[in-house]
Amino acid sequence: MLKTPSPTTPLPSGHAEGVSNDEFRAAMSRLAAGVVLVTAQEPPLDPDDPEAPGVEDVGMTATAFMSVSLDPPLVLVSLRTGARMDDLLDEQPLWAVSVLAESQRHIAGRFAMKGRISDRLLFEDIPYVRGEVTGAPLVGGALATLECRTEQRVTAGDHTLVIGRVLTAHVPSAEGGPLLYFRGRYRQLG
């Protein structure tokens, strides 16, 4: 008699029986998510070398972002392990988040591109201010901005969950609705 594996028995791919990458992606694409731009400053490679390039701004579009706690104020962002932002936030504890408005689809797309140009050029024509605590770019016209300090990093499969304490929170723009990501595309409410 053949024994049927339990639904949680891992297959060689690491998935439970009956769940393929495509099936999982399709199911999760039905969950609408807000879109944010996560930013941080990458310190100079050699602060003692006057010829070394200076601080560089880094940005990344994220849809896996959420509030975790009110007291203390904590948020969470999920980063692909080994991505530039994951590596940077492993060394740099200060970062920022701009909650993008529906009119900022171009910003989300720009910072989500694979094989993109340098981050310096990506920020070139985007209005932003520097965070008072982090120095990270906060996008002009965003629905909300947060500055954070990493409290905890948790490895979760092929991602790192970065939990940050919110150091500042502002609502600079009450105009427009949120930019959403649903079924593999940027969307608007309504």
Protein backbone atom coordinates (compact mmCIF):
# COMPACT_ATOMS: atom_id res chain seq x y z
CA MET A 1 0.00 0.00 0.00
CA LEU A 2 1.38 3.40 -1.00
CA LYS A 3 1.50 6.01 1.68
CA THR A 4 0.20 9.42 0.58
CA PRO A 5 2.46 12.25 1.71
CA SER A 6 0.89 14.75 4.07
CA PRO A 7 -0.01 18.18 2.63
CA THR A 8 2.91 19.70 4.49
CA THR A 9 5.53 17.26 3.21
CA PRO A 10 8.06 19.43 1.35
CA LEU A 11 8.73 18.66 -2.28
CA PRO A 12 12.22 19.05 -3.73
CA SER A 13 11.36 22.65 -4.67
CA GLY A 14 10.73 23.51 -1.01
CA HIS A 15 6.97 23.92 -1.50
CA ALA A 16 4.33 21.86 0.25
CA GLU A 17 2.72 19.23 -1.92
CA GLY A 18 0.33 20.66 -4.46
CA VAL A 19 1.56 24.26 -4.37
CA SER A 20 3.66 25.44 -7.31
CA ASN A 21 5.38 28.80 -7.66
CA ASP A 22 2.84 29.83 -10.29
CA GLU A 23 -0.16 28.79 -8.18
CA PHE A 24 1.18 30.61 -5.13
CA ARG A 25 1.94 33.75 -7.18
CA ALA A 26 -1.54 33.68 -8.77
CA ALA A 27 -3.27 33.31 -5.41
CA MET A 28 -1.25 36.10 -3.78
CA SER A 29 -1.77 38.42 -6.76
CA ARG A 30 -5.43 38.61 -5.69
CA LEU A 31 -4.38 40.42 -2.51
CA ALA A 32 -4.35 44.18 -3.13
CA ALA A 33 -1.38 45.91 -1.53
CA GLY A 34 -0.34 49.50 -1.04
CA VAL A 35 2.85 50.60 -2.78
CA VAL A 36 5.71 52.31 -0.96
CA LEU A 37 9.17 53.53 -1.79
CA VAL A 38 11.77 52.40 0.76
CA THR A 39 14.86 54.62 0.83
CA ALA A 40 18.15 54.76 2.70
CA GLN A 41 21.57 56.33 2.40
CA GLU A 42 24.52 54.13 1.56
CA PRO A 43 27.58 55.43 3.42
CA PRO A 44 30.84 56.01 1.52
CA LEU A 45 32.97 52.90 1.01
CA ASP A 46 35.95 54.61 2.63
CA PRO A 47 35.01 57.65 4.74
CA ASP A 48 38.70 58.47 5.24
CA ASP A 49 39.43 58.70 1.50
CA PRO A 50 38.58 62.18 0.12
CA GLU A 51 38.60 60.72 -3.42
CA ALA A 52 36.01 58.02 -2.58
CA PRO A 53 32.44 58.60 -3.79
CA GLY A 54 30.21 60.16 -1.12
CA VAL A 55 26.92 59.06 0.36
CA GLU A 56 24.54 57.53 -2.19
CA ASP A 57 20.74 57.42 -2.00
CA VAL A 58 19.18 53.99 -2.58
CA GLY A 59 15.51 53.29 -3.26
CA MET A 60 13.28 50.27 -3.78
CA THR A 61 9.58 49.81 -4.52
CA ALA A 62 7.82 47.50 -2.04
CA THR A 63 4.31 46.13 -1.69
CA ALA A 64 4.97 43.90 1.31
CA PHE A 65 4.82 46.66 3.91
CA MET A 66 2.61 46.84 6.98
CA SER A 67 2.03 48.29 10.41
CA VAL A 68 3.07 45.89 13.19
CA SER A 69 2.53 47.70 16.49
CA LEU A 70 1.20 50.98 17.87
CA ASP A 71 3.14 50.86 21.15
CA PRO A 72 5.94 51.03 20.28
CA PRO A 73 5.25 52.19 16.71
CA LEU A 74 6.66 49.44 14.47
CA VAL A 75 6.40 48.67 10.76
CA LEU A 76 7.61 45.75 8.66
CA VAL A 77 8.96 45.55 5.11
CA SER A 78 9.78 42.31 3.32
CA LEU A 79 12.97 42.38 1.22
CA ARG A 80 14.27 39.71 -1.14
CA THR A 81 17.33 38.19 0.55
CA GLY A 82 20.49 39.42 -1.12
CA ALA A 83 18.80 42.38 -2.82
CA ARG A 84 20.71 45.65 -2.63
CA MET A 85 18.27 47.11 -0.08
CA ASP A 86 18.47 43.96 2.07
CA ASP A 87 22.26 44.15 2.09
CA LEU A 88 22.20 47.89 2.83
CA LEU A 89 19.70 47.63 5.70
CA ASP A 90 21.84 44.86 7.19
CA GLU A 91 24.55 47.53 7.68
CA GLN A 92 22.55 50.78 7.79
CA PRO A 93 19.88 50.83 10.54
CA LEU A 94 18.19 54.07 9.38
CA TRP A 95 15.71 54.06 6.51
CA ALA A 96 12.55 55.76 5.32
CA VAL A 97 9.25 54.96 3.61
CA SER A 98 7.11 57.11 1.32
CA VAL A 99 3.53 55.84 0.87
CA LEU A 100 2.92 56.50 -2.82
CA ALA A 101 -0.15 58.24 -4.19
CA GLU A 102 -2.02 57.00 -7.26
CA SER A 103 -0.35 59.75 -9.32
CA GLN A 104 3.10 58.32 -8.50
CA ARG A 105 2.91 55.13 -10.56
CA HIS A 106 5.95 56.27 -12.56
CA ILE A 107 8.04 56.40 -9.37
CA ALA A 108 6.96 52.90 -8.35
CA GLY A 109 7.78 51.52 -11.80
CA ARG A 110 11.13 53.28 -11.97
CA PHE A 111 12.40 51.84 -8.68
CA ALA A 112 11.00 48.35 -9.41
CA MET A 113 12.86 47.87 -12.71
CA LYS A 114 15.25 44.95 -13.01
CA GLY A 115 18.68 45.84 -14.39
CA ARG A 116 17.97 49.50 -13.79
CA ILE A 117 20.32 52.44 -14.02
CA SER A 118 22.06 53.81 -10.94
CA ASP A 119 19.92 54.99 -8.06
CA ARG A 120 21.51 58.44 -8.31
CA LEU A 121 19.94 58.87 -11.76
CA LEU A 122 16.60 57.46 -10.59
CA PHE A 123 16.28 60.18 -7.96
CA GLU A 124 17.43 62.93 -10.34
CA ASP A 125 14.06 64.38 -11.39
CA ILE A 126 11.90 63.26 -8.47
CA PRO A 127 11.00 65.95 -5.91
CA TYR A 128 12.02 64.90 -2.41
CA VAL A 129 13.19 66.21 0.92
CA ARG A 130 15.69 64.61 3.25
CA GLY A 131 14.39 62.99 6.39
CA GLU A 132 15.30 64.96 9.50
CA VAL A 133 16.48 61.82 11.35
CA THR A 134 17.62 59.41 8.61
CA GLY A 135 18.74 61.77 5.86
CA ALA A 136 16.97 59.38 3.46
CA PRO A 137 14.86 60.79 0.60
CA LEU A 138 11.14 61.31 1.35
CA VAL A 139 9.18 61.66 -1.89
CA GLY A 140 7.26 64.89 -2.45
CA GLY A 141 3.52 64.31 -2.92
CA ALA A 142 3.54 61.03 -0.97
CA LEU A 143 0.42 60.32 1.08
CA ALA A 144 2.54 59.64 4.17
CA THR A 145 6.22 59.43 5.10
CA LEU A 146 7.92 57.50 7.87
CA GLU A 147 11.49 57.41 9.12
CA CYS A 148 12.57 54.19 10.80
CA ARG A 149 15.38 52.47 12.68
CA THR A 150 15.75 48.70 12.31
CA GLU A 151 14.78 46.84 15.47
CA GLN A 152 14.86 43.28 14.17
CA ARG A 153 15.63 41.24 11.04
CA VAL A 154 13.94 37.89 10.54
CA THR A 155 14.86 35.41 7.80
CA ALA A 156 11.70 34.05 6.17
CA GLY A 157 12.29 31.74 3.21
CA ASP A 158 13.86 33.75 0.38
CA HIS A 159 13.08 37.09 2.07
CA THR A 160 14.18 39.10 5.08
CA LEU A 161 11.50 40.74 7.22
CA VAL A 162 12.87 44.05 8.48
CA ILE A 163 11.00 45.42 11.48
CA GLY A 164 11.59 49.10 12.08
CA ARG A 165 10.72 51.48 14.90
CA VAL A 166 9.01 54.55 13.49
CA LEU A 167 10.98 57.66 14.49
CA THR A 168 8.93 60.23 12.53
CA ALA A 169 5.56 60.04 10.78
CA HIS A 170 4.08 62.77 8.61
CA VAL A 171 1.05 63.12 6.35
CA PRO A 172 2.30 65.76 3.90
CA SER A 173 -0.40 65.25 1.27
CA ALA A 174 -4.08 64.58 1.82
CA GLU A 175 -4.76 64.78 -1.92
CA GLY A 176 -5.51 61.74 -4.07
CA GLY A 177 -5.85 58.08 -3.30
CA PRO A 178 -3.26 55.37 -2.71
CA LEU A 179 -1.34 53.54 -5.39
CA LEU A 180 -2.25 49.84 -5.22
CA TYR A 181 -0.73 46.68 -6.67
CA PHE A 182 -3.25 44.03 -7.71
CA ARG A 183 -3.03 41.10 -10.16
CA GLY A 184 0.47 42.08 -11.26
CA ARG A 185 -0.32 45.72 -12.10
CA TYR A 186 -0.44 49.12 -10.43
CA ARG A 187 -4.05 50.20 -9.82
CA GLN A 188 -6.13 52.99 -8.33
CA LEU A 189 -9.13 52.82 -6.01
CA GLY A 190 -12.48 53.09 -7.72
